[in-house]
Protein backbone atom coordinates (compact mmCIF):
# COMPACT_ATOMS: atom_id res chain seq x y z
CA UNK A 1 85.52 -75.66 -80.22
CA UNK A 2 87.75 -73.15 -81.75
CA UNK A 3 87.17 -69.60 -80.92
CA UNK A 4 85.99 -67.35 -83.67
CA UNK A 5 88.52 -64.73 -84.44
CA UNK A 6 87.34 -61.14 -83.82
CA UNK A 7 89.47 -58.42 -85.35
CA UNK A 8 89.20 -55.88 -82.69
CA UNK A 9 91.34 -53.40 -84.66
CA UNK A 10 88.94 -53.59 -87.45
CA UNK A 11 85.99 -53.12 -85.03
CA UNK A 12 87.45 -49.88 -83.64
CA UNK A 13 88.72 -48.76 -87.22
CA UNK A 14 92.43 -48.54 -86.29
CA UNK A 15 95.66 -50.13 -87.59
CA UNK A 16 97.65 -52.61 -85.64
CA UNK A 17 100.34 -49.96 -85.01
CA UNK A 18 97.92 -47.55 -83.44
CA UNK A 19 99.05 -45.92 -80.25
CA UNK A 20 97.01 -46.41 -77.04
CA UNK A 21 95.86 -42.75 -77.46
CA UNK A 22 94.62 -43.36 -80.93
CA UNK A 23 92.80 -46.48 -79.74
CA UNK A 24 91.10 -44.56 -76.91
CA UNK A 25 89.97 -41.71 -79.26
CA UNK A 26 88.57 -44.19 -81.76
CA UNK A 27 86.71 -45.95 -78.93
CA UNK A 28 85.07 -42.64 -77.57
CA UNK A 29 83.99 -41.56 -81.05
CA UNK A 30 82.33 -44.92 -81.76
CA UNK A 31 80.83 -44.98 -78.27
CA UNK A 32 79.13 -41.74 -78.83
CA UNK A 33 77.85 -42.86 -82.27
CA UNK A 34 76.40 -46.17 -81.22
CA UNK A 35 75.24 -45.65 -77.63
CA UNK A 36 71.75 -47.07 -77.32
CA UNK A 37 70.39 -43.80 -75.82
CA UNK A 38 71.33 -41.79 -78.94
CA UNK A 39 71.36 -44.24 -81.82
CA UNK A 40 68.08 -46.08 -82.25
CA UNK A 41 69.21 -48.19 -85.31
CA UNK A 42 68.54 -51.87 -84.99
CA UNK A 43 72.21 -52.82 -84.87
CA UNK A 44 73.41 -50.03 -82.68
CA UNK A 45 73.33 -51.98 -79.58
CA UNK A 46 75.26 -54.78 -81.07
CA UNK A 47 77.80 -52.40 -82.46
CA UNK A 48 78.03 -50.73 -79.12
CA UNK A 49 78.69 -54.03 -77.37
CA UNK A 50 81.25 -54.92 -80.06
CA UNK A 51 83.37 -51.74 -79.68
CA UNK A 52 83.32 -52.04 -75.86
CA UNK A 53 84.46 -55.65 -76.15
CA UNK A 54 87.33 -54.51 -78.47
CA UNK A 55 88.27 -51.66 -76.28
CA UNK A 56 88.28 -53.91 -73.24
CA UNK A 57 91.23 -55.87 -74.92
CA UNK A 58 93.00 -53.15 -77.04
CA UNK A 59 92.66 -50.53 -74.32
CA UNK A 60 94.63 -52.58 -71.91
CA UNK A 61 98.39 -52.84 -73.04
CA UNK A 62 98.97 -56.22 -71.50
CA UNK A 63 95.65 -57.82 -72.98
CA UNK A 64 96.56 -56.10 -76.33
CA UNK A 65 99.86 -57.79 -76.30
CA UNK A 66 98.34 -61.11 -75.69
CA UNK A 67 95.76 -60.61 -78.36
CA UNK A 68 98.38 -59.73 -80.83
CA UNK A 69 100.29 -62.86 -80.11
CA UNK A 70 97.42 -65.40 -79.74
CA UNK A 71 94.40 -63.74 -81.51
CA UNK A 72 91.00 -64.93 -79.99
CA UNK A 73 92.75 -67.53 -77.87
CA UNK A 74 94.57 -64.75 -75.91
CA UNK A 75 92.56 -65.23 -72.81
CA UNK A 76 93.27 -69.00 -72.65
CA UNK A 77 96.89 -68.36 -73.49
CA UNK A 78 97.01 -66.14 -70.50
CA UNK A 79 95.71 -68.96 -68.29
CA UNK A 80 98.10 -71.53 -69.64
CA UNK A 81 95.57 -73.09 -72.02
CA UNK A 82 93.18 -73.96 -69.11
CA UNK A 83 89.67 -72.84 -68.67
CA UNK A 84 89.26 -71.01 -71.91
CA UNK A 85 86.36 -68.67 -71.94
CA UNK A 86 85.28 -66.70 -74.94
CA UNK A 87 85.71 -62.95 -74.73
CA UNK A 88 82.70 -60.86 -73.54
CA UNK A 89 79.81 -60.65 -75.96
CA UNK A 90 78.53 -64.16 -76.22
CA UNK A 91 74.91 -64.99 -75.57
CA UNK A 92 75.56 -66.19 -71.97
CA UNK A 93 77.45 -63.08 -71.11
CA UNK A 94 76.42 -60.63 -68.65
CA UNK A 95 77.38 -57.20 -69.76
CA UNK A 96 77.69 -54.03 -67.85
CA UNK A 97 78.33 -50.45 -69.18
CA UNK A 98 80.97 -50.20 -66.48
CA UNK A 99 83.10 -52.75 -68.26
CA UNK A 100 84.49 -50.30 -70.69
CA UNK A 101 86.26 -47.16 -69.57
CA UNK A 102 84.59 -45.45 -66.61
CA UNK A 103 86.40 -42.20 -67.33
CA UNK A 104 85.25 -42.27 -70.87
CA UNK A 105 81.61 -42.90 -69.87
CA UNK A 106 81.83 -40.04 -67.33
CA UNK A 107 82.94 -37.68 -70.19
CA UNK A 108 80.48 -39.26 -72.43
CA UNK A 109 77.45 -38.45 -70.18
CA UNK A 110 78.75 -34.98 -69.54
CA UNK A 111 78.75 -34.40 -73.15
CA UNK A 112 75.38 -35.96 -73.38
CA UNK A 113 73.56 -34.11 -70.55
CA UNK A 114 75.84 -31.12 -69.99
CA UNK A 115 77.62 -30.15 -66.78
CA UNK A 116 76.52 -31.76 -63.58
CA UNK A 117 75.23 -34.98 -65.20
CA UNK A 118 76.85 -38.34 -64.86
CA UNK A 119 75.78 -41.76 -66.14
CA UNK A 120 76.03 -44.87 -64.09
CA UNK A 121 75.96 -48.43 -64.97
CA UNK A 122 72.90 -50.12 -66.28
CA UNK A 123 72.12 -53.76 -66.06
CA UNK A 124 71.39 -55.92 -68.90
CA UNK A 125 69.47 -59.07 -68.04
CA UNK A 126 68.59 -62.11 -70.09
CA UNK A 127 65.74 -64.48 -69.38
CA UNK A 128 63.22 -66.69 -71.25
CA UNK A 129 64.65 -65.40 -74.55
CA UNK A 130 63.64 -61.88 -73.82
CA UNK A 131 66.36 -59.26 -73.17
CA UNK A 132 65.45 -56.64 -70.61
CA UNK A 133 67.28 -53.39 -69.86
CA UNK A 134 66.98 -51.55 -66.75
CA UNK A 135 67.44 -47.99 -67.46
CA UNK A 136 70.67 -46.38 -66.37
CA UNK A 137 71.05 -44.51 -63.13
CA UNK A 138 71.63 -40.82 -63.53
CA UNK A 139 73.41 -38.41 -61.22
CA UNK A 140 73.26 -34.64 -60.92
CA UNK A 141 74.45 -32.09 -58.22
CA UNK A 142 71.92 -30.45 -55.97
CA UNK A 143 73.16 -27.15 -54.66
CA UNK A 144 71.48 -26.08 -51.35
CA UNK A 145 72.20 -23.41 -48.65
CA UNK A 146 73.34 -24.19 -45.21
CA UNK A 147 69.92 -22.93 -43.96
CA UNK A 148 68.29 -25.52 -46.35
CA UNK A 149 70.59 -28.27 -45.05
CA UNK A 150 69.84 -27.34 -41.41
CA UNK A 151 66.05 -27.21 -41.73
CA UNK A 152 65.45 -29.62 -44.67
CA UNK A 153 62.19 -29.24 -46.62
CA UNK A 154 60.93 -29.33 -50.26
CA UNK A 155 63.03 -27.86 -52.97
CA UNK A 156 62.14 -27.66 -56.70
CA UNK A 157 64.96 -28.23 -59.09
CA UNK A 158 65.07 -28.18 -62.95
CA UNK A 159 67.33 -30.42 -64.95
CA UNK A 160 67.94 -31.02 -68.62
CA UNK A 161 67.36 -34.54 -69.91
CA UNK A 162 67.23 -36.18 -73.20
CA UNK A 163 63.98 -37.24 -74.74
CA UNK A 164 63.21 -38.75 -78.05
CA UNK A 165 60.82 -38.03 -80.85
CA UNK A 166 58.69 -40.60 -82.68
CA UNK A 167 61.41 -40.86 -85.27
CA UNK A 168 64.13 -41.41 -82.74
CA UNK A 169 65.69 -37.81 -82.82
CA UNK A 170 66.74 -36.81 -79.39
CA UNK A 171 66.36 -33.41 -78.00
CA UNK A 172 66.99 -31.78 -74.52
CA UNK A 173 64.08 -30.80 -72.40
CA UNK A 174 63.82 -29.12 -68.89
CA UNK A 175 62.06 -31.13 -66.35
CA UNK A 176 61.12 -30.07 -62.88
CA UNK A 177 61.56 -32.30 -59.73
CA UNK A 178 60.21 -31.62 -56.21
CA UNK A 179 62.78 -32.90 -53.88
CA UNK A 180 62.47 -33.63 -50.22
CA UNK A 181 65.66 -32.48 -48.50
CA UNK A 182 66.22 -34.31 -45.25
CA UNK A 183 66.84 -32.30 -42.07
CA UNK A 184 70.54 -32.18 -41.39
CA UNK A 185 71.64 -33.63 -44.80
CA UNK A 186 75.32 -33.73 -45.11
CA UNK A 187 77.76 -32.66 -47.85
CA UNK A 188 77.91 -35.44 -50.57
CA UNK A 189 74.80 -37.26 -49.46
CA UNK A 190 72.81 -38.85 -52.36
CA UNK A 191 69.10 -38.22 -52.59
CA UNK A 192 67.36 -40.91 -54.82
CA UNK A 193 64.52 -40.20 -56.97
CA UNK A 194 63.28 -43.68 -57.88
CA UNK A 195 62.41 -44.35 -61.54
CA UNK A 196 63.53 -40.81 -62.68
CA UNK A 197 66.71 -42.05 -64.49
CA UNK A 198 67.08 -43.57 -67.96
CA UNK A 199 64.06 -45.41 -69.49
CA UNK A 200 64.04 -49.18 -69.22
CA UNK A 201 63.24 -51.38 -72.27
CA UNK A 202 61.89 -54.89 -72.82
CA UNK A 203 60.04 -54.76 -69.55
CA UNK A 204 63.01 -53.56 -67.58
CA UNK A 205 62.68 -50.99 -64.78
CA UNK A 206 63.45 -47.43 -65.28
CA UNK A 207 66.70 -46.21 -63.72
CA UNK A 208 67.02 -43.84 -60.80
CA UNK A 209 68.14 -40.26 -60.52
CA UNK A 210 70.66 -39.56 -57.71
CA UNK A 211 71.09 -35.91 -56.54
CA UNK A 212 74.45 -35.37 -54.95
CA UNK A 213 74.08 -32.74 -52.20
CA UNK A 214 76.46 -29.77 -52.34
CA UNK A 215 76.11 -27.30 -49.41
CA UNK A 216 76.99 -23.84 -50.67
CA UNK A 217 79.48 -21.81 -48.69
CA UNK A 218 78.05 -19.60 -46.01
CA UNK A 219 79.73 -16.30 -45.16
CA UNK A 220 79.18 -16.79 -41.39
CA UNK A 221 80.13 -20.44 -40.88
CA UNK A 222 82.49 -23.22 -42.03
CA UNK A 223 81.10 -26.65 -41.86
CA UNK A 224 83.08 -29.35 -40.09
CA UNK A 225 81.00 -32.57 -40.25
CA UNK A 226 78.19 -31.54 -37.88
CA UNK A 227 80.01 -28.65 -36.24
CA UNK A 228 79.79 -24.98 -37.42
CA UNK A 229 82.86 -22.84 -36.97
CA UNK A 230 82.68 -19.06 -36.84
CA UNK A 231 84.91 -16.12 -36.11
CA UNK A 232 84.12 -13.95 -33.00
CA UNK A 233 85.73 -10.59 -32.78
CA UNK A 234 86.08 -9.21 -29.32
CA UNK A 235 87.61 -6.04 -27.86
CA UNK A 236 90.78 -6.24 -25.63
CA UNK A 237 88.66 -5.34 -22.45
CA UNK A 238 86.04 -7.85 -23.30
CA UNK A 239 88.73 -10.45 -23.60
CA UNK A 240 90.50 -9.30 -20.40
CA UNK A 241 87.54 -8.63 -18.11
CA UNK A 242 85.10 -11.20 -19.60
CA UNK A 243 81.80 -10.26 -21.15
CA UNK A 244 78.57 -11.63 -22.84
CA UNK A 245 78.70 -11.08 -26.65
CA UNK A 246 76.24 -12.04 -29.40
CA UNK A 247 77.34 -14.88 -31.78
CA UNK A 248 75.54 -15.93 -34.88
CA UNK A 249 73.80 -19.35 -35.24
CA UNK A 250 71.81 -20.73 -38.08
CA UNK A 251 68.69 -19.57 -36.43
CA UNK A 252 69.76 -16.13 -35.11
CA UNK A 253 71.94 -14.57 -32.50
CA UNK A 254 72.60 -16.05 -29.00
CA UNK A 255 74.70 -14.69 -26.16
CA UNK A 256 78.11 -16.26 -25.51
CA UNK A 257 79.99 -15.70 -22.33
CA UNK A 258 83.51 -14.61 -22.77
CA UNK A 259 85.64 -15.86 -19.83
CA UNK A 260 88.04 -13.21 -18.32
CA UNK A 261 91.62 -13.59 -19.84
CA UNK A 262 90.43 -15.08 -23.13
CA UNK A 263 93.21 -15.18 -25.62
CA UNK A 264 93.13 -14.44 -29.40
CA UNK A 265 92.88 -17.71 -31.27
CA UNK A 266 91.04 -19.43 -28.42
CA UNK A 267 88.03 -21.48 -29.47
CA UNK A 268 84.84 -21.29 -27.48
CA UNK A 269 82.30 -24.09 -27.78
CA UNK A 270 78.55 -23.75 -27.72
CA UNK A 271 77.17 -27.18 -27.44
CA UNK A 272 74.13 -28.07 -29.48
CA UNK A 273 74.21 -25.11 -31.79
CA UNK A 274 75.57 -26.88 -34.79
CA UNK A 275 73.91 -28.98 -37.50
CA UNK A 276 71.23 -31.60 -36.62
CA UNK A 277 72.62 -35.15 -36.20
CA UNK A 278 69.48 -37.02 -35.15
CA UNK A 279 66.09 -35.54 -34.40
CA UNK A 280 67.25 -34.81 -30.74
CA UNK A 281 70.95 -34.16 -31.23
CA UNK A 282 73.09 -31.51 -32.78
CA UNK A 283 76.57 -30.62 -33.42
CA UNK A 284 78.33 -27.75 -31.82
CA UNK A 285 79.26 -24.11 -32.67
CA UNK A 286 82.83 -23.25 -32.39
CA UNK A 287 83.64 -19.67 -32.05
CA UNK A 288 87.31 -18.70 -32.69
CA UNK A 289 88.23 -15.60 -30.82
CA UNK A 290 89.82 -12.71 -32.66
CA UNK A 291 91.03 -9.76 -30.31
CA UNK A 292 90.58 -6.48 -32.31
CA UNK A 293 92.07 -3.13 -31.28
CA UNK A 294 90.46 0.15 -32.32
CA UNK A 295 92.11 1.77 -35.37
CA UNK A 296 91.52 5.31 -34.00
CA UNK A 297 91.26 6.45 -30.41
CA UNK A 298 89.30 9.39 -28.80
CA UNK A 299 91.45 11.56 -26.52
CA UNK A 300 89.82 9.90 -23.51
CA UNK A 301 90.47 6.49 -24.68
CA UNK A 302 94.03 7.25 -25.37
CA UNK A 303 94.33 8.76 -21.79
CA UNK A 304 93.02 5.67 -20.22
CA UNK A 305 95.17 3.30 -22.32
CA UNK A 306 98.25 5.36 -21.45
CA UNK A 307 97.33 5.15 -17.88
CA UNK A 308 96.94 1.29 -18.27
CA UNK A 309 100.28 1.09 -19.90
CA UNK A 310 101.96 2.84 -17.00
CA UNK A 311 100.20 0.83 -14.32
CA UNK A 312 100.29 -2.68 -15.93
CA UNK A 313 102.93 -5.23 -15.26
CA UNK A 314 101.74 -7.41 -18.09
CA UNK A 315 104.44 -8.20 -20.79
CA UNK A 316 103.00 -10.44 -23.57
CA UNK A 317 106.44 -11.38 -24.67
CA UNK A 318 107.34 -13.13 -21.37
């Protein structure tokens, strides 16, 4: 059966000589206009699918060239005339929002929800003549302190989301979520709030909300996976003679033994004083030694240092 010709240029409202940039701009404009979350008109979803189908072809220079040459049979021509399958959009087609332009959708959801929000794919399923939509998954960033990442616990966050009036008009509302932050959570981890994403329709389940963890910088530590790195300033005599000095940990100060002859830049390790890995294991605390000298000297200090200079055979340049 001959394929029905679909004028993708007409669908996107561009001419056949349009540049790839013009095609992309037209697609983005129409995607915003007809996205089912915004446009509740009866034909919005079909229009949305149509412009995505058109962009899948015209947005790819190689597919566009085949389409310009062979029309609706471009796919079959590309396969030597074998195994022709109609382009996406038929009644037996599984359609995914990912199939368009992921970067465009990322921008789309940022425009839709403001900074920090991203949209993810939603599934569209067919069965028994009833079309069901699972709501899309949403993603936002959850900023937490290093202390919160270490201890975990409950945290309340507020996010903006779109809700709809009875007449279909969308408006932004703030919603609070109580989040259980796992103890020892790591940078980039995803916390899933089931059913808190986009609303499903036709009996489909609601999507999920994923919170991507971002651990805020801490003035005392740098985070290296499960280890913590800190700077430890010591005096020349503490480094030369050895000493016990206080160093910070997430839960307060502990004493660290400085071995005699410690050099500036040397790293001392306190095992088990880093971030939690499992309930019974922790990373390490790495203290990088910086030897500091006094910027001013008392007369007695100068006298002692001058005596040391006369007596010492140490030459740091040898």
